[in-house]
Amino acid sequence: QVQLVESGGGSVQPGGSLRLSCVASENIFRLNAMGWYRQAPGKQREFVAGMSSIGSINYADSVKGRSTISRDNAKNTVYLQMNSLKPEDTAVYLCYCSGVWGQGTQVTVSS
């Protein structure tokens, strides 16, 4: 079964930046749409950003203009660059593709 592994999370101050990575064990991103989601404590999981197999991109309104999703096919990796981070961005960030979820990476934004 395909595995997805996220990394790049951490603790930053408001206004800071992080680049999250989602690495797949197989070359699936070129064939399937993928998405970044996040889940904060006590809240439902929500969509953050997504990329189709052909590279079409969409963002949640909450991160639009502050985030960029990109893909490196040679590395089976999708990135989520997040800038101007806010405390409300604090959550576990997970990637999803082809019925598989990663384990998530924690992002904490606090002064």
PDB file of N, CA and C in Angstrom:
ATOM      1  N   GLN A   1       0.840  -1.193   0.000  1.00  0.00           N
ATOM      2  CA  GLN A   1       0.000   0.000   0.000  1.00  0.00           C
ATOM      3  C   GLN A   1       0.872   1.238   0.000  1.00  0.00           C
ATOM      4  N   VAL A   2       0.404   2.250  -0.700  1.00  0.00           N
ATOM      5  CA  VAL A   2       1.138   3.510  -0.739  1.00  0.00           C
ATOM      6  C   VAL A   2       1.207   4.120   0.656  1.00  0.00           C
ATOM      7  N   GLN A   3       2.326   4.720   0.957  1.00  0.00           N
ATOM      8  CA  GLN A   3       2.479   5.443   2.213  1.00  0.00           C
ATOM      9  C   GLN A   3       2.800   6.897   1.932  1.00  0.00           C
ATOM     10  N   LEU A   4       2.264   7.770   2.768  1.00  0.00           N
ATOM     11  CA  LEU A   4       2.533   9.202   2.682  1.00  0.00           C
ATOM     12  C   LEU A   4       3.170   9.646   3.991  1.00  0.00           C
ATOM     13  N   VAL A   5       4.238  10.395   3.892  1.00  0.00           N
ATOM     14  CA  VAL A   5       4.944  10.856   5.086  1.00  0.00           C
ATOM     15  C   VAL A   5       5.118  12.366   5.002  1.00  0.00           C
ATOM     16  N   GLU A   6       4.543  13.056   5.982  1.00  0.00           N
ATOM     17  CA  GLU A   6       4.671  14.505   6.049  1.00  0.00           C
ATOM     18  C   GLU A   6       5.849  14.894   6.945  1.00  0.00           C
ATOM     19  N   SER A   7       6.389  16.042   6.670  1.00  0.00           N
ATOM     20  CA  SER A   7       7.438  16.608   7.518  1.00  0.00           C
ATOM     21  C   SER A   7       7.462  18.115   7.313  1.00  0.00           C
ATOM     22  N   GLY A   8       8.254  18.788   8.133  1.00  0.00           N
ATOM     23  CA  GLY A   8       8.432  20.219   7.961  1.00  0.00           C
ATOM     24  C   GLY A   8       7.679  21.081   8.959  1.00  0.00           C
ATOM     25  N   GLY A   9       6.864  20.459   9.779  1.00  0.00           N
ATOM     26  CA  GLY A   9       6.151  21.231  10.775  1.00  0.00           C
ATOM     27  C   GLY A   9       7.093  21.735  11.853  1.00  0.00           C
ATOM     28  N   GLY A  10       6.543  22.549  12.730  1.00  0.00           N
ATOM     29  CA  GLY A  10       7.347  23.085  13.819  1.00  0.00           C
ATOM     30  C   GLY A  10       6.623  24.200  14.534  1.00  0.00           C
ATOM     31  N   SER A  11       7.361  24.880  15.395  1.00  0.00           N
ATOM     32  CA  SER A  11       6.820  26.010  16.147  1.00  0.00           C
ATOM     33  C   SER A  11       7.415  27.294  15.607  1.00  0.00           C
ATOM     34  N   VAL A  12       6.555  28.230  15.250  1.00  0.00           N
ATOM     35  CA  VAL A  12       6.998  29.510  14.712  1.00  0.00           C
ATOM     36  C   VAL A  12       6.191  30.630  15.346  1.00  0.00           C
ATOM     37  N   GLN A  13       6.729  31.823  15.255  1.00  0.00           N
ATOM     38  CA  GLN A  13       6.010  33.000  15.723  1.00  0.00           C
ATOM     39  C   GLN A  13       5.045  33.483  14.639  1.00  0.00           C
ATOM     40  N   PRO A  14       4.036  34.210  15.036  1.00  0.00           N
ATOM     41  CA  PRO A  14       3.138  34.793  14.030  1.00  0.00           C
ATOM     42  C   PRO A  14       3.937  35.593  12.994  1.00  0.00           C
ATOM     43  N   GLY A  15       3.561  35.419  11.753  1.00  0.00           N
ATOM     44  CA  GLY A  15       4.281  36.067  10.659  1.00  0.00           C
ATOM     45  C   GLY A  15       5.374  35.199  10.065  1.00  0.00           C
ATOM     46  N   GLY A  16       5.674  34.083  10.699  1.00  0.00           N
ATOM     47  CA  GLY A  16       6.721  33.206  10.219  1.00  0.00           C
ATOM     48  C   GLY A  16       6.263  32.335   9.060  1.00  0.00           C
ATOM     49  N   SER A  17       7.201  31.496   8.605  1.00  0.00           N
ATOM     50  CA  SER A  17       6.944  30.633   7.455  1.00  0.00           C
ATOM     51  C   SER A  17       7.384  29.205   7.744  1.00  0.00           C
ATOM     52  N   LEU A  18       6.746  28.289   7.070  1.00  0.00           N
ATOM     53  CA  LEU A  18       7.146  26.888   7.112  1.00  0.00           C
ATOM     54  C   LEU A  18       6.893  26.277   5.744  1.00  0.00           C
ATOM     55  N   ARG A  19       7.702  25.291   5.402  1.00  0.00           N
ATOM     56  CA  ARG A  19       7.452  24.515   4.194  1.00  0.00           C
ATOM     57  C   ARG A  19       7.227  23.069   4.599  1.00  0.00           C
ATOM     58  N   LEU A  20       6.026  22.618   4.353  1.00  0.00           N
ATOM     59  CA  LEU A  20       5.667  21.235   4.644  1.00  0.00           C
ATOM     60  C   LEU A  20       5.926  20.371   3.418  1.00  0.00           C
ATOM     61  N   SER A  21       6.306  19.133   3.673  1.00  0.00           N
ATOM     62  CA  SER A  21       6.553  18.177   2.592  1.00  0.00           C
ATOM     63  C   SER A  21       5.696  16.937   2.799  1.00  0.00           C
ATOM     64  N   CYS A  22       5.248  16.375   1.701  1.00  0.00           N
ATOM     65  CA  CYS A  22       4.533  15.099   1.721  1.00  0.00           C
ATOM     66  C   CYS A  22       5.214  14.195   0.697  1.00  0.00           C
ATOM     67  N   VAL A  23       5.859  13.154   1.194  1.00  0.00           N
ATOM     68  CA  VAL A  23       6.579  12.232   0.324  1.00  0.00           C
ATOM     69  C   VAL A  23       5.779  10.941   0.196  1.00  0.00           C
ATOM     70  N   ALA A  24       5.584  10.517  -1.037  1.00  0.00           N
ATOM     71  CA  ALA A  24       4.867   9.269  -1.306  1.00  0.00           C
ATOM     72  C   ALA A  24       5.849   8.146  -1.587  1.00  0.00           C
ATOM     73  N   SER A  25       5.468   6.939  -1.172  1.00  0.00           N
ATOM     74  CA  SER A  25       6.344   5.787  -1.393  1.00  0.00           C
ATOM     75  C   SER A  25       6.304   5.315  -2.837  1.00  0.00           C
ATOM     76  N   GLU A  26       5.312   5.788  -3.578  1.00  0.00           N
ATOM     77  CA  GLU A  26       5.217   5.461  -4.996  1.00  0.00           C
ATOM     78  C   GLU A  26       4.883   6.742  -5.756  1.00  0.00           C
ATOM     79  N   ASN A  27       5.059   6.669  -7.061  1.00  0.00           N
ATOM     80  CA  ASN A  27       4.817   7.840  -7.906  1.00  0.00           C
ATOM     81  C   ASN A  27       3.330   7.962  -8.203  1.00  0.00           C
ATOM     82  N   ILE A  28       2.595   8.514  -7.224  1.00  0.00           N
ATOM     83  CA  ILE A  28       1.147   8.573  -7.379  1.00  0.00           C
ATOM     84  C   ILE A  28       0.631   9.975  -7.666  1.00  0.00           C
ATOM     85  N   PHE A  29       1.410  10.989  -7.359  1.00  0.00           N
ATOM     86  CA  PHE A  29       0.901  12.355  -7.491  1.00  0.00           C
ATOM     87  C   PHE A  29       0.673  12.745  -8.943  1.00  0.00           C
ATOM     88  N   ARG A  30       1.404  12.125  -9.862  1.00  0.00           N
ATOM     89  CA  ARG A  30       1.183  12.454 -11.266  1.00  0.00           C
ATOM     90  C   ARG A  30      -0.086  11.803 -11.806  1.00  0.00           C
ATOM     91  N   LEU A  31      -0.613  10.832 -11.080  1.00  0.00           N
ATOM     92  CA  LEU A  31      -1.784  10.108 -11.556  1.00  0.00           C
ATOM     93  C   LEU A  31      -3.048  10.419 -10.770  1.00  0.00           C
ATOM     94  N   ASN A  32      -2.891  11.031  -9.590  1.00  0.00           N
ATOM     95  CA  ASN A  32      -4.037  11.265  -8.705  1.00  0.00           C
ATOM     96  C   ASN A  32      -3.987  12.662  -8.112  1.00  0.00           C
ATOM     97  N   ALA A  33      -5.176  13.180  -7.856  1.00  0.00           N
ATOM     98  CA  ALA A  33      -5.232  14.435  -7.121  1.00  0.00           C
ATOM     99  C   ALA A  33      -4.788  14.203  -5.678  1.00  0.00           C
ATOM    100  N   MET A  34      -4.245  15.230  -5.071  1.00  0.00           N
ATOM    101  CA  MET A  34      -3.855  15.135  -3.667  1.00  0.00           C
ATOM    102  C   MET A  34      -4.299  16.393  -2.935  1.00  0.00           C
ATOM    103  N   GLY A  35      -4.366  16.284  -1.633  1.00  0.00           N
ATOM    104  CA  GLY A  35      -4.776  17.441  -0.853  1.00  0.00           C
ATOM    105  C   GLY A  35      -4.031  17.545   0.453  1.00  0.00           C
ATOM    106  N   TRP A  36      -3.868  18.772   0.898  1.00  0.00           N
ATOM    107  CA  TRP A  36      -3.394  19.061   2.241  1.00  0.00           C
ATOM    108  C   TRP A  36      -4.614  19.430   3.090  1.00  0.00           C
ATOM    109  N   TYR A  37      -4.676  18.844   4.276  1.00  0.00           N
ATOM    110  CA  TYR A  37      -5.748  19.118   5.214  1.00  0.00           C
ATOM    111  C   TYR A  37      -5.112  19.466   6.550  1.00  0.00           C
ATOM    112  N   ARG A  38      -5.927  20.017   7.438  1.00  0.00           N
ATOM    113  CA  ARG A  38      -5.437  20.285   8.776  1.00  0.00           C
ATOM    114  C   ARG A  38      -6.541  20.026   9.783  1.00  0.00           C
ATOM    115  N   GLN A  39      -6.108  19.694  10.984  1.00  0.00           N
ATOM    116  CA  GLN A  39      -7.053  19.447  12.056  1.00  0.00           C
ATOM    117  C   GLN A  39      -6.507  20.040  13.340  1.00  0.00           C
ATOM    118  N   ALA A  40      -7.256  20.985  13.862  1.00  0.00           N
ATOM    119  CA  ALA A  40      -6.906  21.611  15.132  1.00  0.00           C
ATOM    120  C   ALA A  40      -7.639  20.877  16.251  1.00  0.00           C
ATOM    121  N   PRO A  41      -7.122  20.952  17.474  1.00  0.00           N
ATOM    122  CA  PRO A  41      -7.781  20.271  18.599  1.00  0.00           C
ATOM    123  C   PRO A  41      -9.232  20.696  18.738  1.00  0.00           C
ATOM    124  N   GLY A  42     -10.112  19.722  18.820  1.00  0.00           N
ATOM    125  CA  GLY A  42     -11.525  20.001  19.020  1.00  0.00           C
ATOM    126  C   GLY A  42     -12.261  20.481  17.788  1.00  0.00           C
ATOM    127  N   LYS A  43     -11.576  20.474  16.640  1.00  0.00           N
ATOM    128  CA  LYS A  43     -12.203  20.947  15.410  1.00  0.00           C
ATOM    129  C   LYS A  43     -12.198  19.847  14.355  1.00  0.00           C
ATOM    130  N   GLN A  44     -13.070  20.015  13.387  1.00  0.00           N
ATOM    131  CA  GLN A  44     -13.111  19.053  12.290  1.00  0.00           C
ATOM    132  C   GLN A  44     -11.927  19.255  11.354  1.00  0.00           C
ATOM    133  N   ARG A  45     -11.562  18.190  10.694  1.00  0.00           N
ATOM    134  CA  ARG A  45     -10.512  18.269   9.688  1.00  0.00           C
ATOM    135  C   ARG A  45     -11.012  19.147   8.543  1.00  0.00           C
ATOM    136  N   GLU A  46     -10.136  20.023   8.055  1.00  0.00           N
ATOM    137  CA  GLU A  46     -10.558  20.923   6.986  1.00  0.00           C
ATOM    138  C   GLU A  46      -9.541  20.936   5.853  1.00  0.00           C
ATOM    139  N   PHE A  47     -10.039  21.187   4.668  1.00  0.00           N
ATOM    140  CA  PHE A  47      -9.212  21.266   3.472  1.00  0.00           C
ATOM    141  C   PHE A  47      -8.373  22.538   3.516  1.00  0.00           C
ATOM    142  N   VAL A  48      -7.117  22.412   3.094  1.00  0.00           N
ATOM    143  CA  VAL A  48      -6.222  23.565   3.039  1.00  0.00           C
ATOM    144  C   VAL A  48      -5.858  23.908   1.597  1.00  0.00           C
ATOM    145  N   ALA A  49      -5.381  22.922   0.874  1.00  0.00           N
ATOM    146  CA  ALA A  49      -4.948  23.155  -0.505  1.00  0.00           C
ATOM    147  C   ALA A  49      -4.913  21.822  -1.232  1.00  0.00           C
ATOM    148  N   GLY A  50      -5.061  21.879  -2.554  1.00  0.00           N
ATOM    149  CA  GLY A  50      -5.037  20.645  -3.323  1.00  0.00           C
ATOM    150  C   GLY A  50      -4.467  20.855  -4.705  1.00  0.00           C
ATOM    151  N   MET A  51      -3.981  19.770  -5.268  1.00  0.00           N
ATOM    152  CA  MET A  51      -3.434  19.794  -6.615  1.00  0.00           C
ATOM    153  C   MET A  51      -3.917  18.556  -7.366  1.00  0.00           C
ATOM    154  N   SER A  52      -4.427  18.771  -8.573  1.00  0.00           N
ATOM    155  CA  SER A  52      -4.868  17.643  -9.390  1.00  0.00           C
ATOM    156  C   SER A  52      -3.663  16.977 -10.044  1.00  0.00           C
ATOM    157  N   SER A  53      -3.911  15.860 -10.694  1.00  0.00           N
ATOM    158  CA  SER A  53      -2.826  15.141 -11.354  1.00  0.00           C
ATOM    159  C   SER A  53      -2.192  15.972 -12.466  1.00  0.00           C
ATOM    160  N   ILE A  54      -2.976  16.863 -13.060  1.00  0.00           N
ATOM    161  CA  ILE A  54      -2.434  17.683 -14.147  1.00  0.00           C
ATOM    162  C   ILE A  54      -1.955  19.038 -13.650  1.00  0.00           C
ATOM    163  N   GLY A  55      -1.990  19.231 -12.342  1.00  0.00           N
ATOM    164  CA  GLY A  55      -1.401  20.442 -11.778  1.00  0.00           C
ATOM    165  C   GLY A  55      -2.358  21.566 -11.473  1.00  0.00           C
ATOM    166  N   SER A  56      -3.645  21.347 -11.629  1.00  0.00           N
ATOM    167  CA  SER A  56      -4.605  22.379 -11.223  1.00  0.00           C
ATOM    168  C   SER A  56      -4.577  22.511  -9.708  1.00  0.00           C
ATOM    169  N   ILE A  57      -4.679  23.737  -9.236  1.00  0.00           N
ATOM    170  CA  ILE A  57      -4.483  24.026  -7.811  1.00  0.00           C
ATOM    171  C   ILE A  57      -5.675  24.794  -7.261  1.00  0.00           C
ATOM    172  N   ASN A  58      -6.027  24.515  -6.036  1.00  0.00           N
ATOM    173  CA  ASN A  58      -6.985  25.352  -5.343  1.00  0.00           C
ATOM    174  C   ASN A  58      -6.616  25.425  -3.867  1.00  0.00           C
ATOM    175  N   TYR A  59      -7.051  26.504  -3.248  1.00  0.00           N
ATOM    176  CA  TYR A  59      -6.739  26.792  -1.848  1.00  0.00           C
ATOM    177  C   TYR A  59      -8.008  27.119  -1.082  1.00  0.00           C
ATOM    178  N   ALA A  60      -7.983  26.810   0.193  1.00  0.00           N
ATOM    179  CA  ALA A  60      -9.038  27.292   1.065  1.00  0.00           C
ATOM    180  C   ALA A  60      -8.891  28.800   1.211  1.00  0.00           C
ATOM    181  N   ASP A  61     -10.009  29.464   1.401  1.00  0.00           N
ATOM    182  CA  ASP A  61      -9.964  30.925   1.539  1.00  0.00           C
ATOM    183  C   ASP A  61      -9.083  31.346   2.715  1.00  0.00           C
ATOM    184  N   SER A  62      -9.031  30.503   3.731  1.00  0.00           N
ATOM    185  CA  SER A  62      -8.286  30.853   4.943  1.00  0.00           C
ATOM    186  C   SER A  62      -6.777  30.942   4.709  1.00  0.00           C
ATOM    187  N   VAL A  63      -6.274  30.297   3.658  1.00  0.00           N
ATOM    188  CA  VAL A  63      -4.832  30.319   3.402  1.00  0.00           C
ATOM    189  C   VAL A  63      -4.483  30.935   2.061  1.00  0.00           C
ATOM    190  N   LYS A  64      -5.478  31.278   1.273  1.00  0.00           N
ATOM    191  CA  LYS A  64      -5.237  31.824  -0.057  1.00  0.00           C
ATOM    192  C   LYS A  64      -4.426  33.109   0.046  1.00  0.00           C
ATOM    193  N   GLY A  65      -3.410  33.204  -0.792  1.00  0.00           N
ATOM    194  CA  GLY A  65      -2.551  34.372  -0.764  1.00  0.00           C
ATOM    195  C   GLY A  65      -1.383  34.243   0.193  1.00  0.00           C
ATOM    196  N   ARG A  66      -1.429  33.261   1.064  1.00  0.00           N
ATOM    197  CA  ARG A  66      -0.349  33.047   2.033  1.00  0.00           C
ATOM    198  C   ARG A  66       0.339  31.698   1.824  1.00  0.00           C
ATOM    199  N   SER A  67      -0.240  30.865   0.985  1.00  0.00           N
ATOM    200  CA  SER A  67       0.281  29.503   0.831  1.00  0.00           C
ATOM    201  C   SER A  67       0.475  29.166  -0.634  1.00  0.00           C
ATOM    202  N   THR A  68       1.453  28.306  -0.892  1.00  0.00           N
ATOM    203  CA  THR A  68       1.727  27.850  -2.243  1.00  0.00           C
ATOM    204  C   THR A  68       1.964  26.351  -2.221  1.00  0.00           C
ATOM    205  N   ILE A  69       1.218  25.646  -3.055  1.00  0.00           N
ATOM    206  CA  ILE A  69       1.416  24.200  -3.180  1.00  0.00           C
ATOM    207  C   ILE A  69       2.205  23.939  -4.453  1.00  0.00           C
ATOM    208  N   SER A  70       3.135  23.007  -4.367  1.00  0.00           N
ATOM    209  CA  SER A  70       3.955  22.679  -5.527  1.00  0.00           C
ATOM    210  C   SER A  70       4.309  21.199  -5.481  1.00  0.00           C
ATOM    211  N   ARG A  71       4.830  20.708  -6.599  1.00  0.00           N
ATOM    212  CA  ARG A  71       5.084  19.264  -6.701  1.00  0.00           C
ATOM    213  C   ARG A  71       6.416  19.018  -7.389  1.00  0.00           C
ATOM    214  N   ASP A  72       7.140  18.029  -6.889  1.00  0.00           N
ATOM    215  CA  ASP A  72       8.376  17.575  -7.518  1.00  0.00           C
ATOM    216  C   ASP A  72       8.166  16.110  -7.891  1.00  0.00           C
ATOM    217  N   ASN A  73       7.874  15.865  -9.155  1.00  0.00           N
ATOM    218  CA  ASN A  73       7.562  14.497  -9.583  1.00  0.00           C
ATOM    219  C   ASN A  73       8.750  13.557  -9.407  1.00  0.00           C
ATOM    220  N   ALA A  74       9.936  14.062  -9.610  1.00  0.00           N
ATOM    221  CA  ALA A  74      11.122  13.215  -9.498  1.00  0.00           C
ATOM    222  C   ALA A  74      11.334  12.705  -8.073  1.00  0.00           C
ATOM    223  N   LYS A  75      10.824  13.467  -7.109  1.00  0.00           N
ATOM    224  CA  LYS A  75      10.986  13.098  -5.702  1.00  0.00           C
ATOM    225  C   LYS A  75       9.696  12.558  -5.085  1.00  0.00           C
ATOM    226  N   ASN A  76       8.663  12.397  -5.885  1.00  0.00           N
ATOM    227  CA  ASN A  76       7.360  11.922  -5.363  1.00  0.00           C
ATOM    228  C   ASN A  76       6.926  12.767  -4.177  1.00  0.00           C
ATOM    229  N   THR A  77       7.096  14.065  -4.283  1.00  0.00           N
ATOM    230  CA  THR A  77       6.887  14.960  -3.148  1.00  0.00           C
ATOM    231  C   THR A  77       5.999  16.125  -3.546  1.00  0.00           C
ATOM    232  N   VAL A  78       5.094  16.472  -2.637  1.00  0.00           N
ATOM    233  CA  VAL A  78       4.295  17.685  -2.767  1.00  0.00           C
ATOM    234  C   VAL A  78       4.626  18.569  -1.576  1.00  0.00           C
ATOM    235  N   TYR A  79       4.781  19.852  -1.846  1.00  0.00           N
ATOM    236  CA  TYR A  79       5.135  20.814  -0.816  1.00  0.00           C
ATOM    237  C   TYR A  79       3.978  21.770  -0.552  1.00  0.00           C
ATOM    238  N   LEU A  80       3.955  22.275   0.657  1.00  0.00           N
ATOM    239  CA  LEU A  80       3.038  23.355   0.996  1.00  0.00           C
ATOM    240  C   LEU A  80       3.847  24.430   1.702  1.00  0.00           C
ATOM    241  N   GLN A  81       4.098  25.507   0.992  1.00  0.00           N
ATOM    242  CA  GLN A  81       4.797  26.650   1.563  1.00  0.00           C
ATOM    243  C   GLN A  81       3.774  27.542   2.228  1.00  0.00           C
ATOM    244  N   MET A  82       3.960  27.799   3.502  1.00  0.00           N
ATOM    245  CA  MET A  82       3.023  28.619   4.242  1.00  0.00           C
ATOM    246  C   MET A  82       3.751  29.841   4.790  1.00  0.00           C
ATOM    247  N   ASN A  83       3.260  31.020   4.459  1.00  0.00           N
ATOM    248  CA  ASN A  83       3.847  32.281   4.887  1.00  0.00           C
ATOM    249  C   ASN A  83       2.854  33.068   5.737  1.00  0.00           C
ATOM    250  N   SER A  84       3.363  34.083   6.391  1.00  0.00           N
ATOM    251  CA  SER A  84       2.508  34.958   7.220  1.00  0.00           C
ATOM    252  C   SER A  84       1.604  34.135   8.125  1.00  0.00           C
ATOM    253  N   LEU A  85       2.220  33.182   8.794  1.00  0.00           N
ATOM    254  CA  LEU A  85       1.442  32.263   9.622  1.00  0.00           C
ATOM    255  C   LEU A  85       0.766  32.990  10.783  1.00  0.00           C
ATOM    256  N   LYS A  86      -0.420  32.504  11.105  1.00  0.00           N
ATOM    257  CA  LYS A  86      -1.235  33.089  12.171  1.00  0.00           C
ATOM    258  C   LYS A  86      -1.482  32.036  13.248  1.00  0.00           C
ATOM    259  N   PRO A  87      -1.794  32.450  14.448  1.00  0.00           N
ATOM    260  CA  PRO A  87      -2.102  31.455  15.495  1.00  0.00           C
ATOM    261  C   PRO A  87      -3.209  30.495  15.090  1.00  0.00           C
ATOM    262  N   GLU A  88      -4.150  30.975  14.312  1.00  0.00           N
ATOM    263  CA  GLU A  88      -5.251  30.097  13.885  1.00  0.00           C
ATOM    264  C   GLU A  88      -4.824  29.061  12.851  1.00  0.00           C
ATOM    265  N   ASP A  89      -3.599  29.127  12.391  1.00  0.00           N
ATOM    266  CA  ASP A  89      -3.061  28.090  11.509  1.00  0.00           C
ATOM    267  C   ASP A  89      -2.547  26.885  12.305  1.00  0.00           C
ATOM    268  N   THR A  90      -2.513  27.012  13.606  1.00  0.00           N
ATOM    269  CA  THR A  90      -2.039  25.914  14.450  1.00  0.00           C
ATOM    270  C   THR A  90      -2.922  24.684  14.273  1.00  0.00           C
ATOM    271  N   ALA A  91      -2.295  23.566  13.908  1.00  0.00           N
ATOM    272  CA  ALA A  91      -3.034  22.332  13.646  1.00  0.00           C
ATOM    273  C   ALA A  91      -2.043  21.245  13.265  1.00  0.00           C
ATOM    274  N   VAL A  92      -2.561  20.037  13.193  1.00  0.00           N
ATOM    275  CA  VAL A  92      -1.820  18.953  12.549  1.00  0.00           C
ATOM    276  C   VAL A  92      -2.166  19.005  11.064  1.00  0.00           C
ATOM    277  N   TYR A  93      -1.139  19.023  10.236  1.00  0.00           N
ATOM    278  CA  TYR A  93      -1.331  19.083   8.789  1.00  0.00           C
ATOM    279  C   TYR A  93      -1.093  17.699   8.193  1.00  0.00           C
ATOM    280  N   LEU A  94      -2.046  17.264   7.398  1.00  0.00           N
ATOM    281  CA  LEU A  94      -1.997  15.922   6.821  1.00  0.00           C
ATOM    282  C   LEU A  94      -2.136  16.007   5.307  1.00  0.00           C
ATOM    283  N   CYS A  95      -1.489  15.082   4.624  1.00  0.00           N
ATOM    284  CA  CYS A  95      -1.713  14.989   3.192  1.00  0.00           C
ATOM    285  C   CYS A  95      -2.517  13.732   2.889  1.00  0.00           C
ATOM    286  N   TYR A  96      -3.227  13.815   1.776  1.00  0.00           N
ATOM    287  CA  TYR A  96      -4.134  12.738   1.388  1.00  0.00           C
ATOM    288  C   TYR A  96      -4.017  12.520  -0.107  1.00  0.00           C
ATOM    289  N   CYS A  97      -3.973  11.246  -0.491  1.00  0.00           N
ATOM    290  CA  CYS A  97      -3.957  10.915  -1.910  1.00  0.00           C
ATOM    291  C   CYS A  97      -4.380   9.471  -2.095  1.00  0.00           C
ATOM    292  N   SER A  98      -5.237   9.250  -3.033  1.00  0.00           N
ATOM    293  CA  SER A  98      -5.620   7.912  -3.457  1.00  0.00           C
ATOM    294  C   SER A  98      -6.058   7.029  -2.287  1.00  0.00           C
ATOM    295  N   GLY A  99      -6.867   7.614  -1.403  1.00  0.00           N
ATOM    296  CA  GLY A  99      -7.413   6.842  -0.292  1.00  0.00           C
ATOM    297  C   GLY A  99      -6.492   6.669   0.895  1.00  0.00           C
ATOM    298  N   VAL A 100      -5.357   7.332   0.851  1.00  0.00           N
ATOM    299  CA  VAL A 100      -4.360   7.171   1.912  1.00  0.00           C
ATOM    300  C   VAL A 100      -4.098   8.505   2.597  1.00  0.00           C
ATOM    301  N   TRP A 101      -4.012   8.443   3.930  1.00  0.00           N
ATOM    302  CA  TRP A 101      -3.642   9.617   4.723  1.00  0.00           C
ATOM    303  C   TRP A 101      -2.239   9.436   5.282  1.00  0.00           C
ATOM    304  N   GLY A 102      -1.511  10.528   5.372  1.00  0.00           N
ATOM    305  CA  GLY A 102      -0.259  10.499   6.107  1.00  0.00           C
ATOM    306  C   GLY A 102      -0.536  10.604   7.595  1.00  0.00           C
ATOM    307  N   GLN A 103       0.543  10.577   8.374  1.00  0.00           N
ATOM    308  CA  GLN A 103       0.385  10.612   9.827  1.00  0.00           C
ATOM    309  C   GLN A 103       0.272  12.032  10.363  1.00  0.00           C
ATOM    310  N   GLY A 104       0.657  12.991   9.548  1.00  0.00           N
ATOM    311  CA  GLY A 104       0.528  14.394   9.936  1.00  0.00           C
ATOM    312  C   GLY A 104       1.803  14.985  10.489  1.00  0.00           C
ATOM    313  N   THR A 105       1.879  16.299  10.418  1.00  0.00           N
ATOM    314  CA  THR A 105       2.990  17.055  11.004  1.00  0.00           C
ATOM    315  C   THR A 105       2.397  18.260  11.730  1.00  0.00           C
ATOM    316  N   GLN A 106       2.888  18.496  12.932  1.00  0.00           N
ATOM    317  CA  GLN A 106       2.317  19.542  13.791  1.00  0.00           C
ATOM    318  C   GLN A 106       2.868  20.919  13.414  1.00  0.00           C
ATOM    319  N   VAL A 107       1.973  21.857  13.259  1.00  0.00           N
ATOM    320  CA  VAL A 107       2.340  23.264  13.063  1.00  0.00           C
ATOM    321  C   VAL A 107       1.769  24.053  14.232  1.00  0.00           C
ATOM    322  N   THR A 108       2.639  24.762  14.934  1.00  0.00           N
ATOM    323  CA  THR A 108       2.212  25.582  16.056  1.00  0.00           C
ATOM    324  C   THR A 108       2.684  27.011  15.833  1.00  0.00           C
ATOM    325  N   VAL A 109       1.746  27.934  15.847  1.00  0.00           N
ATOM    326  CA  VAL A 109       2.057  29.343  15.642  1.00  0.00           C
ATOM    327  C   VAL A 109       1.700  30.091  16.922  1.00  0.00           C
ATOM    328  N   SER A 110       2.712  30.589  17.584  1.00  0.00           N
ATOM    329  CA  SER A 110       2.490  31.222  18.884  1.00  0.00           C
ATOM    330  C   SER A 110       3.615  32.194  19.179  1.00  0.00           C
ATOM    331  N   SER A 111       3.267  33.269  19.870  1.00  0.00           N
ATOM    332  CA  SER A 111       4.285  34.211  20.296  1.00  0.00           C
ATOM    333  C   SER A 111       4.757  33.883  21.706  1.00  0.00           C
TER     334      SER A 111
END
